[in-house]
Structure formats: C-alpha cells, structure tokens
Protein backbone atom coordinates (compact mmCIF):
# COMPACT_ATOMS: atom_id res chain seq x y z
CA MET A 1 -12.06 -7.44 -3.83
CA TYR A 2 -15.12 -5.36 -4.72
CA ARG A 3 -17.86 -7.53 -3.20
CA PHE A 4 -18.44 -5.30 -0.17
CA GLU A 5 -18.51 -2.16 -2.32
CA ALA A 6 -20.85 -3.81 -4.84
CA SER A 7 -23.22 -4.89 -2.08
CA LEU A 8 -23.33 -1.37 -0.64
CA ILE A 9 -23.95 0.13 -4.08
CA ARG A 10 -26.93 -2.22 -4.51
CA GLU A 11 -28.24 -0.91 -1.18
CA GLY A 12 -28.09 2.63 -2.55
CA TYR A 13 -24.79 3.93 -1.18
CA ARG A 14 -22.68 5.90 -3.66
CA ILE A 15 -19.77 7.38 -1.70
CA ILE A 16 -17.94 4.48 -0.05
CA ALA A 17 -14.58 4.86 1.68
CA GLY A 18 -12.09 2.30 2.92
CA ALA A 19 -9.67 2.86 5.81
CA ASP A 20 -6.55 1.10 7.03
CA GLU A 21 -3.39 1.88 8.95
CA ALA A 22 0.29 0.97 8.74
CA GLY A 23 2.80 0.85 11.56
CA MET A 24 0.94 -0.58 14.54
CA GLY A 25 3.69 -3.10 15.31
CA PRO A 26 7.04 -1.32 14.78
CA LEU A 27 9.29 -0.21 17.62
CA ALA A 28 9.95 3.18 16.02
CA GLY A 29 8.25 5.85 13.97
CA PRO A 30 4.65 7.00 13.57
CA VAL A 31 1.47 5.13 12.80
CA VAL A 32 -0.03 6.22 9.47
CA ALA A 33 -3.60 5.75 8.27
CA ALA A 34 -5.37 6.41 5.01
CA CYS A 35 -8.99 6.70 3.91
CA VAL A 36 -9.73 6.19 0.22
CA ILE A 37 -12.83 6.71 -1.91
CA LEU A 38 -12.14 4.81 -5.12
CA PRO A 39 -13.32 6.07 -8.51
CA SER A 40 -16.07 4.25 -10.40
CA LYS A 41 -13.48 2.98 -12.89
CA ARG A 42 -11.56 0.23 -11.16
CA ILE A 43 -7.80 0.52 -10.62
CA ALA A 44 -6.27 -2.80 -11.65
CA GLY A 45 -3.89 -4.56 -9.30
CA ILE A 46 -5.18 -3.27 -5.97
CA ASN A 47 -4.66 -5.78 -3.16
CA ASP A 48 -3.59 -5.97 0.46
CA SER A 49 -0.32 -4.01 0.63
CA LYS A 50 1.35 -6.88 2.51
CA LEU A 51 0.77 -9.15 -0.51
CA LEU A 52 2.35 -6.69 -2.95
CA SER A 53 6.02 -6.04 -3.62
CA GLU A 54 7.44 -2.61 -2.84
CA LYS A 55 7.74 -1.97 -6.57
CA LYS A 56 4.07 -2.79 -7.13
CA ARG A 57 2.97 -0.62 -4.18
CA GLU A 58 5.02 2.29 -5.48
CA ALA A 59 3.45 1.86 -8.93
CA LEU A 60 -0.10 1.82 -7.55
CA PHE A 61 0.42 4.70 -5.11
CA PRO A 62 0.38 7.59 -7.64
CA ARG A 63 -2.59 6.08 -9.47
CA ILE A 64 -4.60 5.92 -6.25
CA MET A 65 -3.53 9.42 -5.24
CA ASN A 66 -4.42 10.85 -8.67
CA GLU A 67 -7.62 8.92 -9.43
CA ALA A 68 -9.19 8.44 -5.98
CA GLN A 69 -10.10 10.73 -3.10
CA VAL A 70 -7.60 10.30 -0.29
CA GLY A 71 -7.16 11.43 3.29
CA ILE A 72 -4.02 10.64 5.32
CA GLY A 73 -3.54 10.72 9.09
CA VAL A 74 -0.24 10.54 10.97
CA VAL A 75 0.23 10.07 14.71
CA SER A 76 3.77 10.41 16.04
CA GLU A 77 5.65 8.04 18.30
CA THR A 78 5.39 10.67 21.07
CA ILE A 79 1.60 10.52 20.98
CA ILE A 80 1.71 6.73 20.73
CA ASP A 81 3.64 6.68 24.01
CA GLN A 82 1.06 8.95 25.61
CA ILE A 83 -2.20 7.26 24.56
CA ASN A 84 -1.15 3.69 23.53
CA ILE A 85 -0.89 2.20 20.06
CA TYR A 86 -4.55 1.18 19.70
CA GLN A 87 -5.80 4.70 20.44
CA ALA A 88 -3.07 6.15 18.20
CA GLY A 89 -4.18 3.94 15.30
CA ARG A 90 -7.77 4.97 15.92
CA ARG A 91 -6.78 8.66 15.98
CA ALA A 92 -4.83 8.28 12.73
CA ILE A 93 -7.85 6.73 10.98
CA LEU A 94 -10.17 9.47 12.25
CA GLU A 95 -7.70 12.12 11.07
CA ALA A 96 -7.54 10.49 7.64
CA PHE A 97 -11.34 10.25 7.53
CA HIS A 98 -11.78 13.95 8.27
CA LYS A 99 -9.23 14.86 5.59
CA LEU A 100 -11.27 13.28 2.81
CA PRO A 101 -12.47 15.85 0.26
CA GLN A 102 -16.08 14.77 0.82
CA MET A 103 -18.00 12.93 3.51
CA PRO A 104 -18.51 9.25 2.74
CA GLU A 105 -21.94 7.69 3.05
CA TYR A 106 -20.36 4.47 4.29
CA LEU A 107 -16.93 3.58 5.69
CA LEU A 108 -15.28 0.17 5.54
CA VAL A 109 -12.40 -0.22 8.00
CA ASP A 110 -9.88 -2.99 8.50
CA GLY A 111 -9.90 -4.97 11.73
CA ARG A 112 -12.22 -4.59 14.72
CA MET A 113 -11.70 -0.92 15.45
CA LYS A 114 -14.62 1.04 16.90
CA LEU A 115 -15.00 4.53 15.47
CA ASP A 116 -17.10 7.61 16.09
CA VAL A 117 -17.80 8.84 12.54
CA ALA A 118 -20.67 10.77 10.99
CA CYS A 119 -21.66 7.95 8.67
CA ARG A 120 -22.42 4.27 8.81
CA TYR A 121 -19.36 2.03 9.00
CA ARG A 122 -18.36 -1.62 9.15
CA ALA A 123 -15.19 -3.11 10.59
CA ILE A 124 -13.99 -6.14 8.61
CA VAL A 125 -11.39 -8.56 9.94
CA LYS A 126 -8.66 -8.90 7.29
CA GLY A 127 -10.58 -6.33 5.31
CA ASP A 128 -7.47 -5.38 3.34
CA ARG A 129 -7.82 -8.77 1.59
CA LYS A 130 -11.58 -8.51 1.09
CA SER A 131 -12.31 -4.89 0.14
CA ALA A 132 -10.68 -2.90 -2.67
CA SER A 133 -11.26 0.37 -0.81
CA ILE A 134 -9.54 -0.91 2.33
CA ALA A 135 -6.74 -2.44 0.25
CA ALA A 136 -6.17 0.89 -1.52
CA ALA A 137 -5.98 2.59 1.88
CA SER A 138 -3.47 -0.01 3.04
CA ILE A 139 -1.26 0.77 0.05
CA VAL A 140 -1.39 4.53 0.63
CA ALA A 141 -0.68 4.14 4.36
CA LYS A 142 2.16 1.68 3.82
CA VAL A 143 3.91 3.68 1.08
CA THR A 144 3.53 6.94 3.02
CA ARG A 145 4.97 5.43 6.19
CA ASP A 146 7.82 3.66 4.37
CA ARG A 147 8.83 6.94 2.77
CA MET A 148 8.81 8.64 6.17
CA MET A 149 11.04 5.92 7.60
CA LYS A 150 13.48 6.38 4.71
CA GLU A 151 13.66 10.06 5.63
CA PHE A 152 14.36 9.11 9.25
CA ASP A 153 17.12 6.84 7.96
CA ARG A 154 18.94 9.91 6.65
CA GLU A 155 18.62 11.56 10.06
CA PHE A 156 19.55 8.47 12.08
CA PRO A 157 21.59 6.29 9.67
CA GLN A 158 23.00 4.06 12.41
CA TYR A 159 19.59 2.42 12.90
CA GLU A 160 19.10 1.45 9.22
CA PHE A 161 15.43 2.45 9.25
CA ALA A 162 15.28 2.32 5.44
CA GLN A 163 15.76 -1.44 5.59
CA HIS A 164 13.48 -2.57 8.44
CA LYS A 165 11.14 0.45 8.65
CA GLY A 166 11.22 0.30 12.44
CA TYR A 167 9.88 -3.25 12.73
CA CYS A 168 11.44 -5.60 15.26
CA THR A 169 13.77 -7.49 12.96
CA ARG A 170 16.89 -9.21 14.24
CA ARG A 171 19.06 -6.47 12.73
CA HIS A 172 16.98 -3.70 14.30
CA TRP A 173 17.21 -5.47 17.66
CA GLN A 174 21.00 -5.64 17.33
CA LEU A 175 21.27 -1.93 16.49
CA LEU A 176 18.92 -0.99 19.31
CA LYS A 177 21.12 -2.92 21.71
CA ILE A 178 24.26 -1.17 20.42
CA PHE A 179 23.00 2.42 20.20
CA GLY A 180 20.03 2.49 22.54
CA PRO A 181 16.73 4.15 21.57
CA SER A 182 16.64 7.02 19.09
CA PRO A 183 14.31 10.03 19.44
CA ILE A 184 11.74 8.27 17.21
CA HIS A 185 11.66 4.98 19.11
CA ARG A 186 8.44 4.19 20.98
CA LYS A 187 9.56 4.33 24.59
CA SER A 188 6.36 2.68 25.87
CA PHE A 189 7.05 -0.50 23.90
CA ALA A 190 8.64 -3.14 26.13
CA PRO A 191 11.77 -3.92 24.02
CA VAL A 192 12.58 -0.20 23.71
CA ARG A 193 11.80 0.49 27.36
CA GLU A 194 14.11 -2.33 28.45
CA HIS A 195 16.96 -0.92 26.39
CA SER A 196 16.25 2.56 27.76
CA PHE A 197 16.67 1.25 31.30
CA GLU A 198 19.88 -0.55 30.32
CA ILE A 199 21.39 2.63 28.84
CA GLU A 200 20.28 4.71 31.84
CA ALA A 201 21.76 2.22 34.30
CA HIS A 202 25.01 2.09 32.35
CA GLU A 203 25.28 5.90 32.32
CA LYS A 204 24.62 6.10 36.08
CA PHE A 205 27.24 3.46 36.75
CA ALA A 206 29.75 5.38 34.57
CA VAL A 207 29.13 8.57 36.56
CA LEU A 208 29.56 6.78 39.89
CA SER A 209 32.74 5.08 38.84
C-alpha cells in the first residue's frame, strides 16, 4: 500500500497527498472527496474503504483525521445535476485539495481524472487498493458521506437513506417508485428522471380528471 509513496520519497518528494471521492454512483445525495497527507508514522489497517467493514472505517476515520492532514470537498446533488457527475467529482477533489493545510509536492489520485493543480500529480486506476494515501482519502470520503446520508435519513425517513446511502439498491428503487424523487435525488440521473416524469404525468392526469 505504500509503494507509490516510497518511490516518490526516494525521488525527493516529502509532502505527498492522496485523493479519492465517494458517491459517484448513487441516485441521491452529494459527492464527497477527500485529500490526505499521511504522517511519517504509518497508520495500521488502512485499505480501500470498499474492502473494509463500516466498523473498521469508523475506527480508522478519527485516527486519520487526528494524525494526518485532511481536506474535504462536498458537491451537492443540485450542482451534480447542473454540471454532470464527472465534473462534480472533479470539483469535489479540487475543493478537498485546496482545503489541505499545506500544499502537497505530489498528488496521487484514484482513477483517470484529469486535474489542474499546482503540483505534480498521477492518476492511478484502482489507486485506493495500491496507495495508502488514496486509501486513507477513500475512508475519509466514504465515512463523511455515509454520515451525511444518515442525517438525510432523519429528514426524509421514508427513503431509508441510512440503509442504502442513496445507491440504487432494490429497496431504494421500490421506495423511489412509491414516493417519487426527494429534494436530494439527482434529477439528471435516468432512473430518477423517469420517476419524475411518471409523478408529473400522474399529477397532471389527476388535475384533468
């Protein structure tokens, strides 16, 4: 997990950040990104957030927040609908990058995303399984977003956001079909847009009849 960081350190880089986002695929809620500069002392247990249990992520989250340097970026579902999910994810990562306490000398980012940052960077496919810095960012982004979705669950309990976190599970699909889109659903996403049209057509028919 530290081979990319170790290679960069041998090249002379000292301040290395990792970036990743959570929430590109859900039908509801924001996309959240994190940038993390890990401390020199390694934090045991860091891995791709998708390979960790919720309990393990929650245990690692405060350690990363307390021992590392962290920036977090959040882009709402409204902005996602305006600029598309790829650009929203990119904006969230740039926001997280600029919120770091100090400027990194090198940035490692998950995926193939192209960024305009004031340092050298490298995009790594499946980087959250290959770089500790990216993996730490994936944990911070995932835990932050999950907590936000649990808050939305209190506001919109009928959608059960605390359980599926806005992802397109069978249960979420059923609830979307029953209640229609909520204010935090991504209206530009095809499944949500289709349900929006269904609700609108039903309401128009009710008025006419």
